[in-house]
């Protein structure tokens, strides 16, 4: 039995399949995931788990070199915006309007992770970093305690 890290078997499987420059989307409970997409649904009830809880699990297991958030996140969800921008200091970052965000996600996402979060503009797209040690170390982040 695995005793630490991500215990959700489906999520762990998809994370191990990520290669350099693959995209994963963390989305809220109401995000319109495209019909034929790979979806790992980790939602339990409204509000659980949150996007930050899922993001924490991901950054403790994987390195990401780029992130994209919704442009309105800064104004309508400042707590999450501050968390994401404070966490990813060296990563490339993008802020897109909803229609462009959805188009990018639909075109690029290897899979989606649906949370139970219901806060507005809490969705994000993450691009995986290379597995080369120097790249992993460059993009490693430490979750604030």
N, C-alpha and C. Protein backbone atom coordinates (compact mmCIF):
# COMPACT_ATOMS: atom_id res chain seq x y z
N UNK A 1 0.84 -1.19 0.00
CA UNK A 1 0.00 0.00 0.00
C UNK A 1 0.88 1.24 0.00
N UNK A 2 0.62 2.13 -0.93
CA UNK A 2 1.33 3.40 -0.98
C UNK A 2 0.95 4.20 0.26
N UNK A 3 1.93 4.78 0.95
CA UNK A 3 1.60 5.46 2.20
C UNK A 3 1.78 6.97 2.17
N UNK A 4 2.31 7.51 1.09
CA UNK A 4 2.39 8.97 1.01
C UNK A 4 2.30 9.40 -0.44
N UNK A 5 2.12 10.68 -0.62
CA UNK A 5 1.92 11.20 -1.96
C UNK A 5 0.47 11.00 -2.39
N UNK A 6 0.22 11.08 -3.65
CA UNK A 6 -1.14 10.97 -4.18
C UNK A 6 -1.59 9.52 -4.10
N UNK A 7 -2.69 9.29 -3.41
CA UNK A 7 -3.23 7.95 -3.22
C UNK A 7 -4.29 7.59 -4.26
N UNK A 8 -4.90 8.59 -4.87
CA UNK A 8 -5.91 8.34 -5.90
C UNK A 8 -5.24 7.65 -7.08
N UNK A 9 -5.60 6.39 -7.32
CA UNK A 9 -4.91 5.57 -8.32
C UNK A 9 -5.00 6.16 -9.72
N UNK A 10 -6.18 6.65 -10.09
CA UNK A 10 -6.35 7.20 -11.44
C UNK A 10 -5.52 8.46 -11.62
N UNK A 11 -5.52 9.33 -10.64
CA UNK A 11 -4.73 10.55 -10.72
C UNK A 11 -3.24 10.23 -10.75
N UNK A 12 -2.79 9.33 -9.89
CA UNK A 12 -1.37 8.94 -9.87
C UNK A 12 -0.96 8.38 -11.22
N UNK A 13 -1.81 7.55 -11.81
CA UNK A 13 -1.51 6.98 -13.13
C UNK A 13 -1.32 8.08 -14.17
N UNK A 14 -2.24 9.02 -14.25
CA UNK A 14 -2.15 10.07 -15.27
C UNK A 14 -0.95 10.99 -15.02
N UNK A 15 -0.62 11.25 -13.77
CA UNK A 15 0.55 12.08 -13.49
C UNK A 15 1.83 11.40 -13.94
N UNK A 16 1.91 10.08 -13.78
CA UNK A 16 3.12 9.38 -14.22
C UNK A 16 3.24 9.35 -15.73
N UNK A 17 2.15 9.62 -16.43
CA UNK A 17 2.17 9.65 -17.90
C UNK A 17 2.56 11.02 -18.44
N UNK A 18 2.63 12.04 -17.58
CA UNK A 18 3.01 13.38 -18.04
C UNK A 18 4.45 13.38 -18.53
N UNK A 19 4.66 13.99 -19.65
CA UNK A 19 5.99 14.19 -20.20
C UNK A 19 6.24 15.68 -20.36
N UNK A 20 7.45 16.03 -20.74
CA UNK A 20 7.81 17.43 -20.89
C UNK A 20 6.84 18.13 -21.84
N UNK A 21 6.30 19.24 -21.37
CA UNK A 21 5.41 20.11 -22.12
C UNK A 21 4.00 19.54 -22.30
N UNK A 22 3.61 18.57 -21.48
CA UNK A 22 2.22 18.12 -21.45
C UNK A 22 1.43 19.06 -20.53
N UNK A 23 0.16 19.19 -20.82
CA UNK A 23 -0.70 20.09 -20.05
C UNK A 23 -1.72 19.31 -19.23
N UNK A 24 -1.98 19.82 -18.03
CA UNK A 24 -3.04 19.29 -17.18
C UNK A 24 -3.86 20.49 -16.69
N UNK A 25 -5.16 20.31 -16.60
CA UNK A 25 -6.05 21.37 -16.14
C UNK A 25 -6.60 20.98 -14.77
N UNK A 26 -6.51 21.91 -13.82
CA UNK A 26 -7.20 21.76 -12.55
C UNK A 26 -8.41 22.67 -12.65
N UNK A 27 -9.59 22.11 -12.47
CA UNK A 27 -10.79 22.92 -12.66
C UNK A 27 -11.76 22.78 -11.49
N UNK A 28 -12.64 23.77 -11.41
CA UNK A 28 -13.66 23.76 -10.36
C UNK A 28 -14.80 22.83 -10.74
N UNK A 29 -15.73 22.66 -9.83
CA UNK A 29 -16.83 21.71 -10.01
C UNK A 29 -17.72 22.03 -11.20
N UNK A 30 -17.79 23.29 -11.57
CA UNK A 30 -18.69 23.67 -12.65
C UNK A 30 -18.05 23.88 -14.00
N UNK A 31 -16.77 23.63 -14.11
CA UNK A 31 -16.07 23.88 -15.38
C UNK A 31 -16.62 22.96 -16.47
N UNK A 32 -16.85 23.50 -17.67
CA UNK A 32 -17.39 22.68 -18.77
C UNK A 32 -16.29 21.84 -19.44
N UNK A 33 -15.97 20.72 -18.86
CA UNK A 33 -14.95 19.83 -19.41
C UNK A 33 -15.46 19.29 -20.75
N UNK A 34 -14.67 19.41 -21.81
CA UNK A 34 -15.11 18.90 -23.11
C UNK A 34 -15.49 17.41 -23.04
N UNK A 35 -16.49 17.05 -23.78
CA UNK A 35 -17.12 15.73 -23.73
C UNK A 35 -16.15 14.56 -23.88
N UNK A 36 -15.23 14.60 -24.79
CA UNK A 36 -14.35 13.46 -25.05
C UNK A 36 -13.00 13.55 -24.34
N UNK A 37 -12.90 14.41 -23.33
CA UNK A 37 -11.64 14.60 -22.62
C UNK A 37 -11.44 13.54 -21.54
N UNK A 38 -10.19 13.34 -21.17
CA UNK A 38 -9.88 12.48 -20.02
C UNK A 38 -10.12 13.31 -18.76
N UNK A 39 -10.97 12.80 -17.89
CA UNK A 39 -11.34 13.52 -16.67
C UNK A 39 -11.06 12.65 -15.46
N UNK A 40 -10.27 13.19 -14.52
CA UNK A 40 -10.08 12.56 -13.22
C UNK A 40 -10.89 13.40 -12.24
N UNK A 41 -11.98 12.85 -11.77
CA UNK A 41 -12.88 13.59 -10.89
C UNK A 41 -12.55 13.25 -9.45
N UNK A 42 -11.99 14.21 -8.73
CA UNK A 42 -11.63 13.99 -7.33
C UNK A 42 -12.60 14.69 -6.38
N UNK A 43 -13.69 15.26 -6.94
CA UNK A 43 -14.64 15.98 -6.10
C UNK A 43 -15.36 15.03 -5.15
N UNK A 44 -15.60 15.50 -3.94
CA UNK A 44 -16.33 14.72 -2.94
C UNK A 44 -17.70 15.34 -2.68
N UNK A 45 -17.67 16.59 -2.25
CA UNK A 45 -18.87 17.37 -1.99
C UNK A 45 -18.54 18.80 -2.39
N UNK A 46 -19.54 19.66 -2.40
CA UNK A 46 -19.30 21.05 -2.74
C UNK A 46 -18.20 21.62 -1.83
N UNK A 47 -17.15 22.12 -2.46
CA UNK A 47 -16.05 22.73 -1.72
C UNK A 47 -14.89 21.82 -1.39
N UNK A 48 -15.03 20.53 -1.63
CA UNK A 48 -13.94 19.59 -1.30
C UNK A 48 -13.66 18.63 -2.43
N UNK A 49 -12.41 18.45 -2.76
CA UNK A 49 -11.28 19.27 -2.32
C UNK A 49 -11.28 20.59 -3.08
N UNK A 50 -10.54 21.54 -2.55
CA UNK A 50 -10.39 22.83 -3.22
C UNK A 50 -9.30 22.75 -4.28
N UNK A 51 -9.28 23.74 -5.13
CA UNK A 51 -8.20 23.82 -6.13
C UNK A 51 -6.84 23.91 -5.43
N UNK A 52 -6.67 24.77 -4.40
CA UNK A 52 -5.37 24.79 -3.73
C UNK A 52 -4.96 23.45 -3.12
N UNK A 53 -5.90 22.69 -2.59
CA UNK A 53 -5.55 21.38 -2.04
C UNK A 53 -5.04 20.44 -3.13
N UNK A 54 -5.67 20.45 -4.27
CA UNK A 54 -5.23 19.62 -5.39
C UNK A 54 -3.90 20.13 -5.93
N UNK A 55 -3.77 21.45 -6.06
CA UNK A 55 -2.52 22.03 -6.54
C UNK A 55 -1.36 21.64 -5.62
N UNK A 56 -1.59 21.67 -4.33
CA UNK A 56 -0.53 21.28 -3.38
C UNK A 56 -0.07 19.85 -3.64
N UNK A 57 -1.02 18.94 -3.79
CA UNK A 57 -0.67 17.54 -4.05
C UNK A 57 0.13 17.42 -5.35
N UNK A 58 -0.24 18.18 -6.36
CA UNK A 58 0.46 18.10 -7.64
C UNK A 58 1.88 18.63 -7.56
N UNK A 59 2.06 19.80 -6.95
CA UNK A 59 3.41 20.38 -6.91
C UNK A 59 4.34 19.62 -5.99
N UNK A 60 3.80 18.82 -5.09
CA UNK A 60 4.65 17.98 -4.24
C UNK A 60 5.10 16.73 -4.98
N UNK A 61 4.47 16.41 -6.12
CA UNK A 61 4.83 15.23 -6.91
C UNK A 61 5.44 15.56 -8.26
N UNK A 62 5.14 16.73 -8.82
CA UNK A 62 5.55 17.05 -10.20
C UNK A 62 6.14 18.44 -10.28
N UNK A 63 6.91 18.67 -11.34
CA UNK A 63 7.46 20.00 -11.61
C UNK A 63 6.74 20.58 -12.82
N UNK A 64 6.38 21.85 -12.72
CA UNK A 64 5.67 22.53 -13.80
C UNK A 64 6.44 23.77 -14.20
N UNK A 65 6.55 23.99 -15.51
CA UNK A 65 7.35 25.12 -16.00
C UNK A 65 6.50 26.29 -16.48
N UNK A 66 5.19 26.10 -16.53
CA UNK A 66 4.32 27.16 -17.02
C UNK A 66 2.94 26.98 -16.40
N UNK A 67 2.26 28.10 -16.18
CA UNK A 67 0.88 28.03 -15.73
C UNK A 67 0.07 29.11 -16.43
N UNK A 68 -1.20 28.82 -16.57
CA UNK A 68 -2.15 29.76 -17.16
C UNK A 68 -3.37 29.82 -16.25
N UNK A 69 -3.79 31.03 -15.93
CA UNK A 69 -5.01 31.23 -15.14
C UNK A 69 -5.96 32.12 -15.93
N UNK A 70 -7.17 32.22 -15.44
CA UNK A 70 -8.14 33.12 -16.04
C UNK A 70 -7.78 34.56 -15.68
N UNK A 71 -7.85 35.46 -16.63
CA UNK A 71 -7.50 36.86 -16.39
C UNK A 71 -8.29 37.48 -15.24
N UNK A 72 -9.59 37.19 -15.09
CA UNK A 72 -10.33 37.81 -13.98
C UNK A 72 -9.98 37.26 -12.60
N UNK A 73 -9.17 36.20 -12.52
CA UNK A 73 -8.83 35.63 -11.21
C UNK A 73 -8.27 36.69 -10.27
N UNK A 74 -7.46 37.57 -10.80
CA UNK A 74 -6.83 38.60 -9.99
C UNK A 74 -7.86 39.42 -9.21
N UNK A 75 -8.99 39.71 -9.85
CA UNK A 75 -10.01 40.56 -9.23
C UNK A 75 -11.09 39.78 -8.48
N UNK A 76 -11.53 38.63 -9.03
CA UNK A 76 -12.66 37.94 -8.42
C UNK A 76 -12.25 36.82 -7.46
N UNK A 77 -10.99 36.42 -7.51
CA UNK A 77 -10.49 35.37 -6.61
C UNK A 77 -9.06 35.72 -6.20
N UNK A 78 -8.89 36.88 -5.53
CA UNK A 78 -7.54 37.36 -5.22
C UNK A 78 -6.73 36.43 -4.32
N UNK A 79 -7.40 35.66 -3.46
CA UNK A 79 -6.68 34.73 -2.58
C UNK A 79 -5.97 33.65 -3.40
N UNK A 80 -6.67 33.05 -4.34
CA UNK A 80 -6.07 32.01 -5.18
C UNK A 80 -5.02 32.61 -6.10
N UNK A 81 -5.30 33.81 -6.60
CA UNK A 81 -4.34 34.48 -7.48
C UNK A 81 -3.02 34.72 -6.74
N UNK A 82 -3.10 35.22 -5.52
CA UNK A 82 -1.90 35.46 -4.72
C UNK A 82 -1.16 34.16 -4.44
N UNK A 83 -1.90 33.10 -4.17
CA UNK A 83 -1.28 31.80 -3.91
C UNK A 83 -0.51 31.32 -5.14
N UNK A 84 -1.16 31.33 -6.30
CA UNK A 84 -0.55 30.82 -7.52
C UNK A 84 0.66 31.66 -7.93
N UNK A 85 0.51 32.97 -7.94
CA UNK A 85 1.62 33.82 -8.36
C UNK A 85 2.76 33.82 -7.34
N UNK A 86 2.44 33.60 -6.09
CA UNK A 86 3.48 33.50 -5.07
C UNK A 86 4.20 32.16 -5.09
N UNK A 87 3.49 31.14 -5.51
CA UNK A 87 4.05 29.78 -5.55
C UNK A 87 4.96 29.59 -6.76
N UNK A 88 4.49 30.03 -7.91
CA UNK A 88 5.23 29.84 -9.17
C UNK A 88 6.02 31.11 -9.48
N UNK A 89 7.25 31.15 -9.03
CA UNK A 89 8.06 32.37 -9.17
C UNK A 89 8.89 32.41 -10.45
N UNK A 90 9.37 31.27 -10.91
CA UNK A 90 10.23 31.25 -12.10
C UNK A 90 9.49 30.69 -13.33
N UNK A 91 8.30 30.20 -13.14
CA UNK A 91 7.54 29.62 -14.23
C UNK A 91 7.02 30.71 -15.17
N UNK A 92 6.88 30.38 -16.44
CA UNK A 92 6.21 31.27 -17.37
C UNK A 92 4.75 31.34 -16.96
N UNK A 93 4.14 32.50 -17.11
CA UNK A 93 2.75 32.65 -16.68
C UNK A 93 1.93 33.37 -17.73
N UNK A 94 0.66 32.99 -17.80
CA UNK A 94 -0.27 33.59 -18.75
C UNK A 94 -1.60 33.79 -18.06
N UNK A 95 -2.27 34.87 -18.44
CA UNK A 95 -3.61 35.16 -17.96
C UNK A 95 -4.49 35.36 -19.19
N UNK A 96 -5.51 34.51 -19.33
CA UNK A 96 -6.33 34.54 -20.53
C UNK A 96 -7.80 34.79 -20.19
N UNK A 97 -8.52 35.45 -21.09
CA UNK A 97 -9.98 35.53 -20.91
C UNK A 97 -10.59 34.13 -21.03
N UNK A 98 -11.78 33.95 -20.51
CA UNK A 98 -12.41 32.64 -20.43
C UNK A 98 -12.45 31.91 -21.77
N UNK A 99 -12.84 32.57 -22.84
CA UNK A 99 -12.95 31.87 -24.12
C UNK A 99 -11.60 31.36 -24.61
N UNK A 100 -10.55 32.14 -24.44
CA UNK A 100 -9.21 31.70 -24.85
C UNK A 100 -8.68 30.61 -23.93
N UNK A 101 -8.98 30.73 -22.64
CA UNK A 101 -8.58 29.71 -21.68
C UNK A 101 -9.21 28.37 -22.04
N UNK A 102 -10.52 28.38 -22.28
CA UNK A 102 -11.22 27.15 -22.63
C UNK A 102 -10.70 26.55 -23.93
N UNK A 103 -10.39 27.40 -24.90
CA UNK A 103 -9.86 26.90 -26.18
C UNK A 103 -8.49 26.27 -25.99
N UNK A 104 -7.63 26.93 -25.21
CA UNK A 104 -6.30 26.37 -24.95
C UNK A 104 -6.41 25.04 -24.21
N UNK A 105 -7.25 25.00 -23.19
CA UNK A 105 -7.42 23.77 -22.42
C UNK A 105 -7.93 22.64 -23.33
N UNK A 106 -8.93 22.93 -24.13
CA UNK A 106 -9.51 21.90 -25.00
C UNK A 106 -8.50 21.40 -26.02
N UNK A 107 -7.65 22.27 -26.49
CA UNK A 107 -6.66 21.90 -27.51
C UNK A 107 -5.47 21.15 -26.92
N UNK A 108 -5.05 21.53 -25.71
CA UNK A 108 -3.77 21.05 -25.19
C UNK A 108 -3.83 20.06 -24.03
N UNK A 109 -4.91 20.05 -23.27
CA UNK A 109 -4.92 19.27 -22.03
C UNK A 109 -4.82 17.77 -22.27
N UNK A 110 -3.87 17.17 -21.60
CA UNK A 110 -3.76 15.71 -21.62
C UNK A 110 -4.87 15.12 -20.76
N UNK A 111 -5.20 15.81 -19.65
CA UNK A 111 -6.33 15.42 -18.83
C UNK A 111 -6.75 16.58 -17.93
N UNK A 112 -7.94 16.46 -17.39
CA UNK A 112 -8.52 17.44 -16.48
C UNK A 112 -8.66 16.80 -15.10
N UNK A 113 -8.47 17.62 -14.06
CA UNK A 113 -8.73 17.18 -12.69
C UNK A 113 -9.87 18.06 -12.17
N UNK A 114 -11.01 17.45 -11.93
CA UNK A 114 -12.17 18.19 -11.44
C UNK A 114 -12.18 18.15 -9.92
N UNK A 115 -12.22 19.32 -9.32
CA UNK A 115 -12.27 19.45 -7.87
C UNK A 115 -13.71 19.72 -7.43
N UNK A 116 -13.90 19.87 -6.16
CA UNK A 116 -15.20 20.26 -5.64
C UNK A 116 -15.31 21.76 -5.42
N UNK A 117 -14.30 22.50 -5.82
CA UNK A 117 -14.25 23.94 -5.60
C UNK A 117 -15.39 24.63 -6.34
N UNK A 118 -15.94 25.67 -5.72
CA UNK A 118 -17.01 26.43 -6.36
C UNK A 118 -16.68 27.92 -6.45
N UNK A 119 -15.46 28.29 -6.07
CA UNK A 119 -15.08 29.69 -6.17
C UNK A 119 -14.87 30.08 -7.63
N UNK A 120 -15.24 31.30 -8.01
CA UNK A 120 -15.11 31.72 -9.40
C UNK A 120 -13.65 31.85 -9.82
N UNK A 121 -13.41 31.58 -11.08
CA UNK A 121 -12.08 31.77 -11.70
C UNK A 121 -10.98 31.03 -10.96
N UNK A 122 -11.26 29.82 -10.53
CA UNK A 122 -10.25 29.05 -9.79
C UNK A 122 -9.55 28.02 -10.67
N UNK A 123 -9.81 28.04 -11.97
CA UNK A 123 -9.24 27.05 -12.89
C UNK A 123 -7.83 27.44 -13.32
N UNK A 124 -7.01 26.43 -13.62
CA UNK A 124 -5.66 26.71 -14.12
C UNK A 124 -5.16 25.58 -15.01
N UNK A 125 -4.26 25.95 -15.90
CA UNK A 125 -3.61 25.00 -16.79
C UNK A 125 -2.14 24.97 -16.40
N UNK A 126 -1.59 23.78 -16.22
CA UNK A 126 -0.19 23.62 -15.86
C UNK A 126 0.54 22.86 -16.95
N UNK A 127 1.75 23.31 -17.30
CA UNK A 127 2.59 22.59 -18.26
C UNK A 127 3.71 21.90 -17.51
N UNK A 128 3.86 20.60 -17.75
CA UNK A 128 4.88 19.84 -17.03
C UNK A 128 6.28 20.19 -17.53
N UNK A 129 7.22 20.14 -16.61
CA UNK A 129 8.62 20.42 -16.92
C UNK A 129 9.32 19.14 -17.35
N UNK A 130 10.49 19.29 -17.87
CA UNK A 130 11.33 18.15 -18.24
C UNK A 130 11.68 17.35 -17.00
N UNK A 131 11.90 16.06 -17.19
CA UNK A 131 12.30 15.20 -16.09
C UNK A 131 13.79 15.26 -15.79
N UNK A 132 14.54 16.07 -16.55
CA UNK A 132 15.97 16.23 -16.32
C UNK A 132 16.16 16.95 -14.98
N UNK A 133 17.03 16.40 -14.13
CA UNK A 133 17.20 16.90 -12.76
C UNK A 133 17.34 18.42 -12.68
N UNK A 134 18.14 19.01 -13.54
CA UNK A 134 18.36 20.46 -13.49
C UNK A 134 17.07 21.23 -13.72
N UNK A 135 16.22 20.72 -14.63
CA UNK A 135 14.95 21.39 -14.92
C UNK A 135 13.97 21.19 -13.76
N UNK A 136 13.95 20.00 -13.20
CA UNK A 136 13.06 19.75 -12.07
C UNK A 136 13.45 20.65 -10.91
N UNK A 137 14.74 20.75 -10.63
CA UNK A 137 15.20 21.60 -9.53
C UNK A 137 14.87 23.07 -9.78
N UNK A 138 15.02 23.52 -11.03
CA UNK A 138 14.72 24.91 -11.36
C UNK A 138 13.26 25.24 -11.07
N UNK A 139 12.36 24.33 -11.40
CA UNK A 139 10.92 24.60 -11.27
C UNK A 139 10.31 24.04 -10.00
N UNK A 140 11.11 23.52 -9.10
CA UNK A 140 10.59 22.97 -7.86
C UNK A 140 10.00 24.11 -7.03
N UNK A 141 8.87 23.85 -6.42
CA UNK A 141 8.25 24.85 -5.55
C UNK A 141 8.02 24.22 -4.18
N UNK A 142 8.01 25.06 -3.17
CA UNK A 142 7.77 24.61 -1.81
C UNK A 142 6.46 25.24 -1.36
N UNK A 143 5.54 24.38 -0.97
CA UNK A 143 4.23 24.86 -0.52
C UNK A 143 4.39 25.67 0.76
N UNK A 144 3.75 26.83 0.84
CA UNK A 144 3.87 27.63 2.06
C UNK A 144 3.25 26.91 3.27
N UNK A 145 3.93 26.94 4.36
CA UNK A 145 3.45 26.25 5.59
C UNK A 145 2.67 27.19 6.46
